[in-house]
Amino acid sequence: MRTPLIIDTPTCDAARARGQRLGRPPALTPEQVRHARDLLTQPDNTVASIARLLGVSRSTLYSTCRSCRRAGPRCRRAETG
């Protein structure tokens, strides 16, 4: 049987006060997010191809880029024709 995970809030608060980031690190750097957004503006790119290029899943890309969510799986291809 597993023991429940107990999070010590004073310890977490002290870590935050020292400027440490808590939790899982982001999958994409801000530069990669900008690159993905730039690629989304080109009608030949799909979310799947951009995700493959950056080495992340499509769902990671959708959750990171708001423009992906609006554009859908074909990105801006549907808008251009």
PDB file of N, CA and C in Angstrom:
ATOM      1  N   MET A   1       0.842  -1.184   0.000  1.00  0.00           N
ATOM      2  CA  MET A   1       0.000   0.000   0.000  1.00  0.00           C
ATOM      3  C   MET A   1       0.885   1.245   0.000  1.00  0.00           C
ATOM      4  N   ARG A   2       0.492   2.209  -0.789  1.00  0.00           N
ATOM      5  CA  ARG A   2       1.262   3.443  -0.882  1.00  0.00           C
ATOM      6  C   ARG A   2       0.958   4.370   0.277  1.00  0.00           C
ATOM      7  N   THR A   3       1.967   5.069   0.681  1.00  0.00           N
ATOM      8  CA  THR A   3       1.748   6.099   1.690  1.00  0.00           C
ATOM      9  C   THR A   3       1.387   7.388   0.967  1.00  0.00           C
ATOM     10  N   PRO A   4       0.481   8.153   1.522  1.00  0.00           N
ATOM     11  CA  PRO A   4       0.070   9.380   0.838  1.00  0.00           C
ATOM     12  C   PRO A   4       1.213  10.391   0.780  1.00  0.00           C
ATOM     13  N   LEU A   5       1.235  11.142  -0.279  1.00  0.00           N
ATOM     14  CA  LEU A   5       2.245  12.175  -0.471  1.00  0.00           C
ATOM     15  C   LEU A   5       1.866  13.391   0.361  1.00  0.00           C
ATOM     16  N   ILE A   6       2.773  13.791   1.203  1.00  0.00           N
ATOM     17  CA  ILE A   6       2.512  14.944   2.063  1.00  0.00           C
ATOM     18  C   ILE A   6       3.423  16.081   1.613  1.00  0.00           C
ATOM     19  N   ILE A   7       2.803  17.165   1.249  1.00  0.00           N
ATOM     20  CA  ILE A   7       3.558  18.330   0.796  1.00  0.00           C
ATOM     21  C   ILE A   7       3.693  19.287   1.969  1.00  0.00           C
ATOM     22  N   ASP A   8       4.923  19.590   2.311  1.00  0.00           N
ATOM     23  CA  ASP A   8       5.215  20.468   3.437  1.00  0.00           C
ATOM     24  C   ASP A   8       5.157  21.908   2.939  1.00  0.00           C
ATOM     25  N   THR A   9       4.073  22.609   3.211  1.00  0.00           N
ATOM     26  CA  THR A   9       3.913  23.956   2.679  1.00  0.00           C
ATOM     27  C   THR A   9       4.954  24.940   3.178  1.00  0.00           C
ATOM     28  N   PRO A  10       5.383  24.893   4.429  1.00  0.00           N
ATOM     29  CA  PRO A  10       6.447  25.839   4.801  1.00  0.00           C
ATOM     30  C   PRO A  10       7.726  25.627   3.978  1.00  0.00           C
ATOM     31  N   THR A  11       8.038  24.375   3.676  1.00  0.00           N
ATOM     32  CA  THR A  11       9.215  24.096   2.856  1.00  0.00           C
ATOM     33  C   THR A  11       9.022  24.636   1.444  1.00  0.00           C
ATOM     34  N   CYS A  12       7.833  24.436   0.883  1.00  0.00           N
ATOM     35  CA  CYS A  12       7.536  24.954  -0.461  1.00  0.00           C
ATOM     36  C   CYS A  12       7.574  26.481  -0.470  1.00  0.00           C
ATOM     37  N   ASP A  13       7.030  27.080   0.551  1.00  0.00           N
ATOM     38  CA  ASP A  13       7.044  28.548   0.633  1.00  0.00           C
ATOM     39  C   ASP A  13       8.473  29.074   0.712  1.00  0.00           C
ATOM     40  N   ALA A  14       9.321  28.372   1.476  1.00  0.00           N
ATOM     41  CA  ALA A  14      10.717  28.797   1.597  1.00  0.00           C
ATOM     42  C   ALA A  14      11.436  28.657   0.258  1.00  0.00           C
ATOM     43  N   ALA A  15      11.144  27.592  -0.474  1.00  0.00           N
ATOM     44  CA  ALA A  15      11.763  27.397  -1.790  1.00  0.00           C
ATOM     45  C   ALA A  15      11.324  28.498  -2.751  1.00  0.00           C
ATOM     46  N   ARG A  16      10.054  28.836  -2.738  1.00  0.00           N
ATOM     47  CA  ARG A  16       9.556  29.916  -3.603  1.00  0.00           C
ATOM     48  C   ARG A  16      10.218  31.245  -3.235  1.00  0.00           C
ATOM     49  N   ALA A  17      10.402  31.474  -1.928  1.00  0.00           N
ATOM     50  CA  ALA A  17      11.036  32.715  -1.482  1.00  0.00           C
ATOM     51  C   ALA A  17      12.480  32.800  -1.979  1.00  0.00           C
ATOM     52  N   ARG A  18      13.144  31.649  -2.116  1.00  0.00           N
ATOM     53  CA  ARG A  18      14.518  31.636  -2.639  1.00  0.00           C
ATOM     54  C   ARG A  18      14.543  31.751  -4.158  1.00  0.00           C
ATOM     55  N   GLY A  19      13.368  31.724  -4.781  1.00  0.00           N
ATOM     56  CA  GLY A  19      13.297  31.859  -6.227  1.00  0.00           C
ATOM     57  C   GLY A  19      13.381  30.549  -6.981  1.00  0.00           C
ATOM     58  N   GLN A  20      13.266  29.432  -6.290  1.00  0.00           N
ATOM     59  CA  GLN A  20      13.303  28.144  -6.963  1.00  0.00           C
ATOM     60  C   GLN A  20      11.956  27.854  -7.594  1.00  0.00           C
ATOM     61  N   ARG A  21      12.013  27.258  -8.771  1.00  0.00           N
ATOM     62  CA  ARG A  21      10.792  26.886  -9.466  1.00  0.00           C
ATOM     63  C   ARG A  21      10.381  25.498  -9.019  1.00  0.00           C
ATOM     64  N   LEU A  22       9.128  25.337  -8.657  1.00  0.00           N
ATOM     65  CA  LEU A  22       8.625  24.047  -8.200  1.00  0.00           C
ATOM     66  C   LEU A  22       7.857  23.361  -9.320  1.00  0.00           C
ATOM     67  N   GLY A  23       7.871  22.054  -9.339  1.00  0.00           N
ATOM     68  CA  GLY A  23       7.091  21.303 -10.318  1.00  0.00           C
ATOM     69  C   GLY A  23       7.913  20.888 -11.525  1.00  0.00           C
ATOM     70  N   ARG A  24       7.199  20.351 -12.497  1.00  0.00           N
ATOM     71  CA  ARG A  24       7.836  19.838 -13.700  1.00  0.00           C
ATOM     72  C   ARG A  24       8.321  20.992 -14.570  1.00  0.00           C
ATOM     73  N   PRO A  25       9.513  20.891 -15.139  1.00  0.00           N
ATOM     74  CA  PRO A  25       9.997  21.967 -16.006  1.00  0.00           C
ATOM     75  C   PRO A  25       9.206  22.017 -17.313  1.00  0.00           C
ATOM     76  N   PRO A  26       9.115  23.178 -17.932  1.00  0.00           N
ATOM     77  CA  PRO A  26       8.367  23.289 -19.186  1.00  0.00           C
ATOM     78  C   PRO A  26       9.024  22.483 -20.307  1.00  0.00           C
ATOM     79  N   ALA A  27       8.194  21.930 -21.188  1.00  0.00           N
ATOM     80  CA  ALA A  27       8.693  21.105 -22.291  1.00  0.00           C
ATOM     81  C   ALA A  27       9.331  21.957 -23.384  1.00  0.00           C
ATOM     82  N   LEU A  28       8.867  23.187 -23.541  1.00  0.00           N
ATOM     83  CA  LEU A  28       9.385  24.074 -24.582  1.00  0.00           C
ATOM     84  C   LEU A  28       9.935  25.348 -23.952  1.00  0.00           C
ATOM     85  N   THR A  29      11.041  25.805 -24.497  1.00  0.00           N
ATOM     86  CA  THR A  29      11.594  27.080 -24.061  1.00  0.00           C
ATOM     87  C   THR A  29      10.786  28.204 -24.716  1.00  0.00           C
ATOM     88  N   PRO A  30      10.857  29.412 -24.184  1.00  0.00           N
ATOM     89  CA  PRO A  30      10.154  30.527 -24.833  1.00  0.00           C
ATOM     90  C   PRO A  30      10.584  30.725 -26.293  1.00  0.00           C
ATOM     91  N   GLU A  31      11.845  30.463 -26.589  1.00  0.00           N
ATOM     92  CA  GLU A  31      12.319  30.586 -27.971  1.00  0.00           C
ATOM     93  C   GLU A  31      11.649  29.538 -28.868  1.00  0.00           C
ATOM     94  N   GLN A  32      11.487  28.313 -28.365  1.00  0.00           N
ATOM     95  CA  GLN A  32      10.817  27.271 -29.150  1.00  0.00           C
ATOM     96  C   GLN A  32       9.350  27.605 -29.370  1.00  0.00           C
ATOM     97  N   VAL A  33       8.709  28.209 -28.372  1.00  0.00           N
ATOM     98  CA  VAL A  33       7.304  28.612 -28.516  1.00  0.00           C
ATOM     99  C   VAL A  33       7.182  29.670 -29.603  1.00  0.00           C
ATOM    100  N   ARG A  34       8.099  30.657 -29.615  1.00  0.00           N
ATOM    101  CA  ARG A  34       8.078  31.682 -30.666  1.00  0.00           C
ATOM    102  C   ARG A  34       8.304  31.045 -32.036  1.00  0.00           C
ATOM    103  N   HIS A  35       9.215  30.092 -32.107  1.00  0.00           N
ATOM    104  CA  HIS A  35       9.496  29.405 -33.365  1.00  0.00           C
ATOM    105  C   HIS A  35       8.251  28.650 -33.846  1.00  0.00           C
ATOM    106  N   ALA A  36       7.570  27.974 -32.939  1.00  0.00           N
ATOM    107  CA  ALA A  36       6.354  27.237 -33.302  1.00  0.00           C
ATOM    108  C   ALA A  36       5.278  28.190 -33.814  1.00  0.00           C
ATOM    109  N   ARG A  37       5.128  29.324 -33.158  1.00  0.00           N
ATOM    110  CA  ARG A  37       4.129  30.305 -33.610  1.00  0.00           C
ATOM    111  C   ARG A  37       4.472  30.850 -34.989  1.00  0.00           C
ATOM    112  N   ASP A  38       5.751  31.069 -35.237  1.00  0.00           N
ATOM    113  CA  ASP A  38       6.172  31.527 -36.560  1.00  0.00           C
ATOM    114  C   ASP A  38       5.861  30.465 -37.619  1.00  0.00           C
ATOM    115  N   LEU A  39       6.125  29.212 -37.286  1.00  0.00           N
ATOM    116  CA  LEU A  39       5.853  28.131 -38.235  1.00  0.00           C
ATOM    117  C   LEU A  39       4.359  27.974 -38.507  1.00  0.00           C
ATOM    118  N   LEU A  40       3.537  28.310 -37.520  1.00  0.00           N
ATOM    119  CA  LEU A  40       2.086  28.190 -37.695  1.00  0.00           C
ATOM    120  C   LEU A  40       1.535  29.173 -38.717  1.00  0.00           C
ATOM    121  N   THR A  41       2.240  30.250 -38.938  1.00  0.00           N
ATOM    122  CA  THR A  41       1.741  31.238 -39.892  1.00  0.00           C
ATOM    123  C   THR A  41       1.922  30.777 -41.335  1.00  0.00           C
ATOM    124  N   GLN A  42       2.775  29.774 -41.549  1.00  0.00           N
ATOM    125  CA  GLN A  42       2.991  29.254 -42.896  1.00  0.00           C
ATOM    126  C   GLN A  42       1.954  28.175 -43.191  1.00  0.00           C
ATOM    127  N   PRO A  43       1.232  28.291 -44.297  1.00  0.00           N
ATOM    128  CA  PRO A  43       0.113  27.381 -44.561  1.00  0.00           C
ATOM    129  C   PRO A  43       0.523  25.927 -44.810  1.00  0.00           C
ATOM    130  N   ASP A  44       1.781  25.649 -45.113  1.00  0.00           N
ATOM    131  CA  ASP A  44       2.188  24.277 -45.401  1.00  0.00           C
ATOM    132  C   ASP A  44       2.447  23.454 -44.147  1.00  0.00           C
ATOM    133  N   ASN A  45       2.526  24.082 -42.991  1.00  0.00           N
ATOM    134  CA  ASN A  45       2.869  23.369 -41.767  1.00  0.00           C
ATOM    135  C   ASN A  45       1.624  22.884 -41.030  1.00  0.00           C
ATOM    136  N   THR A  46       1.718  21.680 -40.483  1.00  0.00           N
ATOM    137  CA  THR A  46       0.658  21.148 -39.625  1.00  0.00           C
ATOM    138  C   THR A  46       1.170  21.127 -38.194  1.00  0.00           C
ATOM    139  N   VAL A  47       0.253  21.033 -37.256  1.00  0.00           N
ATOM    140  CA  VAL A  47       0.636  20.953 -35.851  1.00  0.00           C
ATOM    141  C   VAL A  47       1.484  19.708 -35.629  1.00  0.00           C
ATOM    142  N   ALA A  48       1.124  18.604 -36.282  1.00  0.00           N
ATOM    143  CA  ALA A  48       1.874  17.359 -36.127  1.00  0.00           C
ATOM    144  C   ALA A  48       3.314  17.514 -36.615  1.00  0.00           C
ATOM    145  N   SER A  49       3.506  18.177 -37.743  1.00  0.00           N
ATOM    146  CA  SER A  49       4.866  18.332 -38.266  1.00  0.00           C
ATOM    147  C   SER A  49       5.701  19.260 -37.389  1.00  0.00           C
ATOM    148  N   ILE A  50       5.083  20.301 -36.846  1.00  0.00           N
ATOM    149  CA  ILE A  50       5.797  21.219 -35.967  1.00  0.00           C
ATOM    150  C   ILE A  50       6.159  20.514 -34.658  1.00  0.00           C
ATOM    151  N   ALA A  51       5.223  19.736 -34.117  1.00  0.00           N
ATOM    152  CA  ALA A  51       5.486  18.991 -32.886  1.00  0.00           C
ATOM    153  C   ALA A  51       6.633  18.003 -33.093  1.00  0.00           C
ATOM    154  N   ARG A  52       6.631  17.330 -34.236  1.00  0.00           N
ATOM    155  CA  ARG A  52       7.703  16.381 -34.548  1.00  0.00           C
ATOM    156  C   ARG A  52       9.044  17.111 -34.628  1.00  0.00           C
ATOM    157  N   LEU A  53       9.055  18.270 -35.258  1.00  0.00           N
ATOM    158  CA  LEU A  53      10.275  19.063 -35.393  1.00  0.00           C
ATOM    159  C   LEU A  53      10.835  19.474 -34.029  1.00  0.00           C
ATOM    160  N   LEU A  54       9.938  19.845 -33.109  1.00  0.00           N
ATOM    161  CA  LEU A  54      10.368  20.309 -31.793  1.00  0.00           C
ATOM    162  C   LEU A  54      10.547  19.176 -30.788  1.00  0.00           C
ATOM    163  N   GLY A  55      10.132  17.968 -31.150  1.00  0.00           N
ATOM    164  CA  GLY A  55      10.309  16.824 -30.266  1.00  0.00           C
ATOM    165  C   GLY A  55       9.325  16.759 -29.116  1.00  0.00           C
ATOM    166  N   VAL A  56       8.113  17.260 -29.350  1.00  0.00           N
ATOM    167  CA  VAL A  56       7.065  17.201 -28.327  1.00  0.00           C
ATOM    168  C   VAL A  56       5.806  16.624 -28.959  1.00  0.00           C
ATOM    169  N   SER A  57       4.809  16.333 -28.127  1.00  0.00           N
ATOM    170  CA  SER A  57       3.557  15.816 -28.661  1.00  0.00           C
ATOM    171  C   SER A  57       2.684  16.967 -29.162  1.00  0.00           C
ATOM    172  N   ARG A  58       1.679  16.618 -29.961  1.00  0.00           N
ATOM    173  CA  ARG A  58       0.754  17.648 -30.451  1.00  0.00           C
ATOM    174  C   ARG A  58       0.016  18.297 -29.288  1.00  0.00           C
ATOM    175  N   SER A  59      -0.349  17.494 -28.287  1.00  0.00           N
ATOM    176  CA  SER A  59      -1.086  18.056 -27.155  1.00  0.00           C
ATOM    177  C   SER A  59      -0.242  19.074 -26.395  1.00  0.00           C
ATOM    178  N   THR A  60       1.066  18.847 -26.312  1.00  0.00           N
ATOM    179  CA  THR A  60       1.947  19.831 -25.676  1.00  0.00           C
ATOM    180  C   THR A  60       1.946  21.121 -26.476  1.00  0.00           C
ATOM    181  N   LEU A  61       1.982  20.996 -27.780  1.00  0.00           N
ATOM    182  CA  LEU A  61       1.969  22.178 -28.633  1.00  0.00           C
ATOM    183  C   LEU A  61       0.641  22.923 -28.518  1.00  0.00           C
ATOM    184  N   TYR A  62      -0.468  22.180 -28.505  1.00  0.00           N
ATOM    185  CA  TYR A  62      -1.776  22.811 -28.346  1.00  0.00           C
ATOM    186  C   TYR A  62      -1.880  23.536 -27.012  1.00  0.00           C
ATOM    187  N   SER A  63      -1.362  22.932 -25.948  1.00  0.00           N
ATOM    188  CA  SER A  63      -1.484  23.566 -24.633  1.00  0.00           C
ATOM    189  C   SER A  63      -0.541  24.758 -24.491  1.00  0.00           C
ATOM    190  N   THR A  64       0.519  24.791 -25.275  1.00  0.00           N
ATOM    191  CA  THR A  64       1.493  25.880 -25.194  1.00  0.00           C
ATOM    192  C   THR A  64       1.119  27.061 -26.083  1.00  0.00           C
ATOM    193  N   CYS A  65       0.654  26.780 -27.284  1.00  0.00           N
ATOM    194  CA  CYS A  65       0.363  27.841 -28.260  1.00  0.00           C
ATOM    195  C   CYS A  65      -1.139  28.065 -28.378  1.00  0.00           C
ATOM    196  N   ARG A  66      -1.562  29.236 -28.040  1.00  0.00           N
ATOM    197  CA  ARG A  66      -2.981  29.552 -28.207  1.00  0.00           C
ATOM    198  C   ARG A  66      -3.372  29.586 -29.679  1.00  0.00           C
ATOM    199  N   SER A  67      -2.438  30.009 -30.530  1.00  0.00           N
ATOM    200  CA  SER A  67      -2.744  30.083 -31.960  1.00  0.00           C
ATOM    201  C   SER A  67      -2.982  28.685 -32.529  1.00  0.00           C
ATOM    202  N   CYS A  68      -2.374  27.660 -31.940  1.00  0.00           N
ATOM    203  CA  CYS A  68      -2.627  26.285 -32.383  1.00  0.00           C
ATOM    204  C   CYS A  68      -4.066  25.895 -32.077  1.00  0.00           C
ATOM    205  N   ARG A  69      -4.516  26.259 -30.903  1.00  0.00           N
ATOM    206  CA  ARG A  69      -5.874  25.875 -30.491  1.00  0.00           C
ATOM    207  C   ARG A  69      -6.913  26.498 -31.402  1.00  0.00           C
ATOM    208  N   ARG A  70      -6.678  27.742 -31.793  1.00  0.00           N
ATOM    209  CA  ARG A  70      -7.649  28.399 -32.675  1.00  0.00           C
ATOM    210  C   ARG A  70      -7.606  27.817 -34.076  1.00  0.00           C
ATOM    211  N   ALA A  71      -6.414  27.467 -34.539  1.00  0.00           N
ATOM    212  CA  ALA A  71      -6.253  27.041 -35.920  1.00  0.00           C
ATOM    213  C   ALA A  71      -6.700  25.606 -36.149  1.00  0.00           C
ATOM    214  N   GLY A  72      -6.613  24.757 -35.142  1.00  0.00           N
ATOM    215  CA  GLY A  72      -6.998  23.376 -35.308  1.00  0.00           C
ATOM    216  C   GLY A  72      -5.876  22.536 -35.871  1.00  0.00           C
ATOM    217  N   PRO A  73      -6.146  21.260 -36.179  1.00  0.00           N
ATOM    218  CA  PRO A  73      -5.076  20.348 -36.565  1.00  0.00           C
ATOM    219  C   PRO A  73      -4.364  20.718 -37.859  1.00  0.00           C
ATOM    220  N   ARG A  74      -5.013  21.402 -38.746  1.00  0.00           N
ATOM    221  CA  ARG A  74      -4.382  21.770 -40.017  1.00  0.00           C
ATOM    222  C   ARG A  74      -3.751  23.151 -39.947  1.00  0.00           C
ATOM    223  N   CYS A  75      -3.706  23.750 -38.766  1.00  0.00           N
ATOM    224  CA  CYS A  75      -3.175  25.091 -38.580  1.00  0.00           C
ATOM    225  C   CYS A  75      -3.892  26.068 -39.518  1.00  0.00           C
ATOM    226  N   ARG A  76      -3.173  26.841 -40.235  1.00  0.00           N
ATOM    227  CA  ARG A  76      -3.812  27.901 -41.022  1.00  0.00           C
ATOM    228  C   ARG A  76      -4.135  27.465 -42.441  1.00  0.00           C
ATOM    229  N   ARG A  77      -3.949  26.196 -42.742  1.00  0.00           N
ATOM    230  CA  ARG A  77      -4.230  25.709 -44.100  1.00  0.00           C
ATOM    231  C   ARG A  77      -5.688  25.912 -44.467  1.00  0.00           C
ATOM    232  N   ALA A  78      -6.595  25.695 -43.528  1.00  0.00           N
ATOM    233  CA  ALA A  78      -8.026  25.836 -43.817  1.00  0.00           C
ATOM    234  C   ALA A  78      -8.388  27.279 -44.133  1.00  0.00           C
ATOM    235  N   GLU A  79      -7.671  28.223 -43.490  1.00  0.00           N
ATOM    236  CA  GLU A  79      -7.972  29.632 -43.716  1.00  0.00           C
ATOM    237  C   GLU A  79      -7.500  30.117 -45.081  1.00  0.00           C
ATOM    238  N   THR A  80      -6.444  29.497 -45.628  1.00  0.00           N
ATOM    239  CA  THR A  80      -5.882  29.996 -46.873  1.00  0.00           C
ATOM    240  C   THR A  80      -6.508  29.371 -48.118  1.00  0.00           C
ATOM    241  N   GLY A  81      -7.281  28.345 -47.931  1.00  0.00           N
ATOM    242  CA  GLY A  81      -7.883  27.805 -49.131  1.00  0.00           C
ATOM    243  C   GLY A  81      -8.168  26.415 -48.983  1.00  0.00           C
TER     244      GLY A  81
END
